[in-house]
Amino acid sequence: MAEFDRLPPAARRWLAQAVLPWSARSVRRLWGRALRDAGGDEGAAIARLDRVEEARLARDRSVAQLPLRQGQNA
């Protein structure tokens, strides 16, 4: 919980509404990179976090649709 409390307010708000169960450590790392790439623009950094999460969700959806290998149970 302390790691969550150390996140900047905008990153905490994003994490609180995130679909995936992100760790505060992962969000801190992604937030720092996104904020740096966005030149300090928090709105653009939030949009980047949204895109990263959507990409992970899309990947998870595509993996879930892969057929099972022979001999595997559902």
C-alpha atoms as a PDB file:
ATOM      1  CA  MET A   1       0.000   0.000   0.000  1.00  0.00           C
ATOM      2  CA  ALA A   2       2.889   2.352   0.698  1.00  0.00           C
ATOM      3  CA  GLU A   3       4.047   1.965  -2.905  1.00  0.00           C
ATOM      4  CA  PHE A   4       0.562   2.994  -4.100  1.00  0.00           C
ATOM      5  CA  ASP A   5       0.626   6.004  -1.774  1.00  0.00           C
ATOM      6  CA  ARG A   6       3.924   7.171  -3.316  1.00  0.00           C
ATOM      7  CA  LEU A   7       2.433   7.325  -6.823  1.00  0.00           C
ATOM      8  CA  PRO A   8       1.589  10.787  -8.139  1.00  0.00           C
ATOM      9  CA  PRO A   9      -2.143  11.586  -7.760  1.00  0.00           C
ATOM     10  CA  ALA A  10      -2.896  11.222 -11.487  1.00  0.00           C
ATOM     11  CA  ALA A  11      -1.225   7.805 -11.593  1.00  0.00           C
ATOM     12  CA  ARG A  12      -3.121   6.720  -8.460  1.00  0.00           C
ATOM     13  CA  ARG A  13      -6.419   7.749 -10.054  1.00  0.00           C
ATOM     14  CA  TRP A  14      -5.551   5.826 -13.203  1.00  0.00           C
ATOM     15  CA  LEU A  15      -4.577   2.715 -11.248  1.00  0.00           C
ATOM     16  CA  ALA A  16      -7.775   2.862  -9.174  1.00  0.00           C
ATOM     17  CA  GLN A  17      -9.880   2.625 -12.355  1.00  0.00           C
ATOM     18  CA  ALA A  18      -7.611   0.255 -14.318  1.00  0.00           C
ATOM     19  CA  VAL A  19      -9.133  -2.947 -15.640  1.00  0.00           C
ATOM     20  CA  LEU A  20      -6.061  -5.111 -15.100  1.00  0.00           C
ATOM     21  CA  PRO A  21      -4.554  -5.754 -11.662  1.00  0.00           C
ATOM     22  CA  TRP A  22      -1.424  -3.616 -12.135  1.00  0.00           C
ATOM     23  CA  SER A  23       1.137  -3.429  -9.376  1.00  0.00           C
ATOM     24  CA  ALA A  24       1.983   0.025  -8.090  1.00  0.00           C
ATOM     25  CA  ARG A  25       5.605  -0.656  -9.033  1.00  0.00           C
ATOM     26  CA  SER A  26       4.654  -1.365 -12.674  1.00  0.00           C
ATOM     27  CA  VAL A  27       2.512   1.751 -12.845  1.00  0.00           C
ATOM     28  CA  ARG A  28       5.302   3.873 -11.336  1.00  0.00           C
ATOM     29  CA  ARG A  29       7.710   2.628 -14.011  1.00  0.00           C
ATOM     30  CA  LEU A  30       5.197   3.082 -16.864  1.00  0.00           C
ATOM     31  CA  TRP A  31       4.091   6.464 -15.535  1.00  0.00           C
ATOM     32  CA  GLY A  32       7.637   7.796 -15.379  1.00  0.00           C
ATOM     33  CA  ARG A  33       8.356   6.715 -18.939  1.00  0.00           C
ATOM     34  CA  ALA A  34       5.008   7.977 -20.263  1.00  0.00           C
ATOM     35  CA  LEU A  35       5.336  11.332 -18.503  1.00  0.00           C
ATOM     36  CA  ARG A  36       8.901  11.786 -19.761  1.00  0.00           C
ATOM     37  CA  ASP A  37       7.898  10.879 -23.343  1.00  0.00           C
ATOM     38  CA  ALA A  38       4.932  13.284 -23.095  1.00  0.00           C
ATOM     39  CA  GLY A  39       7.131  16.167 -21.983  1.00  0.00           C
ATOM     40  CA  GLY A  40       5.402  16.350 -18.603  1.00  0.00           C
ATOM     41  CA  ASP A  41       1.848  16.387 -19.989  1.00  0.00           C
ATOM     42  CA  GLU A  42      -0.160  14.289 -17.510  1.00  0.00           C
ATOM     43  CA  GLY A  43      -3.117  13.941 -19.868  1.00  0.00           C
ATOM     44  CA  ALA A  44      -0.884  12.490 -22.571  1.00  0.00           C
ATOM     45  CA  ALA A  45       0.760  10.193 -20.016  1.00  0.00           C
ATOM     46  CA  ILE A  46      -2.658   8.901 -18.908  1.00  0.00           C
ATOM     47  CA  ALA A  47      -3.583   8.300 -22.554  1.00  0.00           C
ATOM     48  CA  ARG A  48      -0.362   6.303 -22.944  1.00  0.00           C
ATOM     49  CA  LEU A  49      -1.212   4.160 -19.904  1.00  0.00           C
ATOM     50  CA  ASP A  50      -4.665   3.575 -21.409  1.00  0.00           C
ATOM     51  CA  ARG A  51      -3.078   2.428 -24.685  1.00  0.00           C
ATOM     52  CA  VAL A  52      -0.675   0.092 -22.873  1.00  0.00           C
ATOM     53  CA  GLU A  53      -3.531  -1.451 -20.928  1.00  0.00           C
ATOM     54  CA  GLU A  54      -5.674  -1.835 -24.052  1.00  0.00           C
ATOM     55  CA  ALA A  55      -2.777  -3.544 -25.850  1.00  0.00           C
ATOM     56  CA  ARG A  56      -2.395  -6.005 -22.970  1.00  0.00           C
ATOM     57  CA  LEU A  57      -6.125  -6.688 -22.941  1.00  0.00           C
ATOM     58  CA  ALA A  58      -6.090  -7.280 -26.705  1.00  0.00           C
ATOM     59  CA  ARG A  59      -3.151  -9.654 -26.333  1.00  0.00           C
ATOM     60  CA  ASP A  60      -4.949 -11.529 -23.552  1.00  0.00           C
ATOM     61  CA  ARG A  61      -8.074 -11.789 -25.713  1.00  0.00           C
ATOM     62  CA  SER A  62      -6.118 -13.199 -28.652  1.00  0.00           C
ATOM     63  CA  VAL A  63      -4.328 -15.722 -26.427  1.00  0.00           C
ATOM     64  CA  ALA A  64      -7.661 -16.812 -24.953  1.00  0.00           C
ATOM     65  CA  GLN A  65      -8.919 -17.560 -28.474  1.00  0.00           C
ATOM     66  CA  LEU A  66      -6.000 -19.808 -29.404  1.00  0.00           C
ATOM     67  CA  PRO A  67      -7.006 -23.450 -29.808  1.00  0.00           C
ATOM     68  CA  LEU A  68      -5.772 -25.813 -27.129  1.00  0.00           C
ATOM     69  CA  ARG A  69      -2.967 -28.154 -28.083  1.00  0.00           C
ATOM     70  CA  GLN A  70      -3.891 -31.769 -28.386  1.00  0.00           C
ATOM     71  CA  GLY A  71      -3.912 -33.370 -24.960  1.00  0.00           C
ATOM     72  CA  GLN A  72      -4.707 -30.127 -23.069  1.00  0.00           C
ATOM     73  CA  ASN A  73      -7.926 -29.719 -21.156  1.00  0.00           C
ATOM     74  CA  ALA A  74      -9.951 -26.546 -21.006  1.00  0.00           C
END
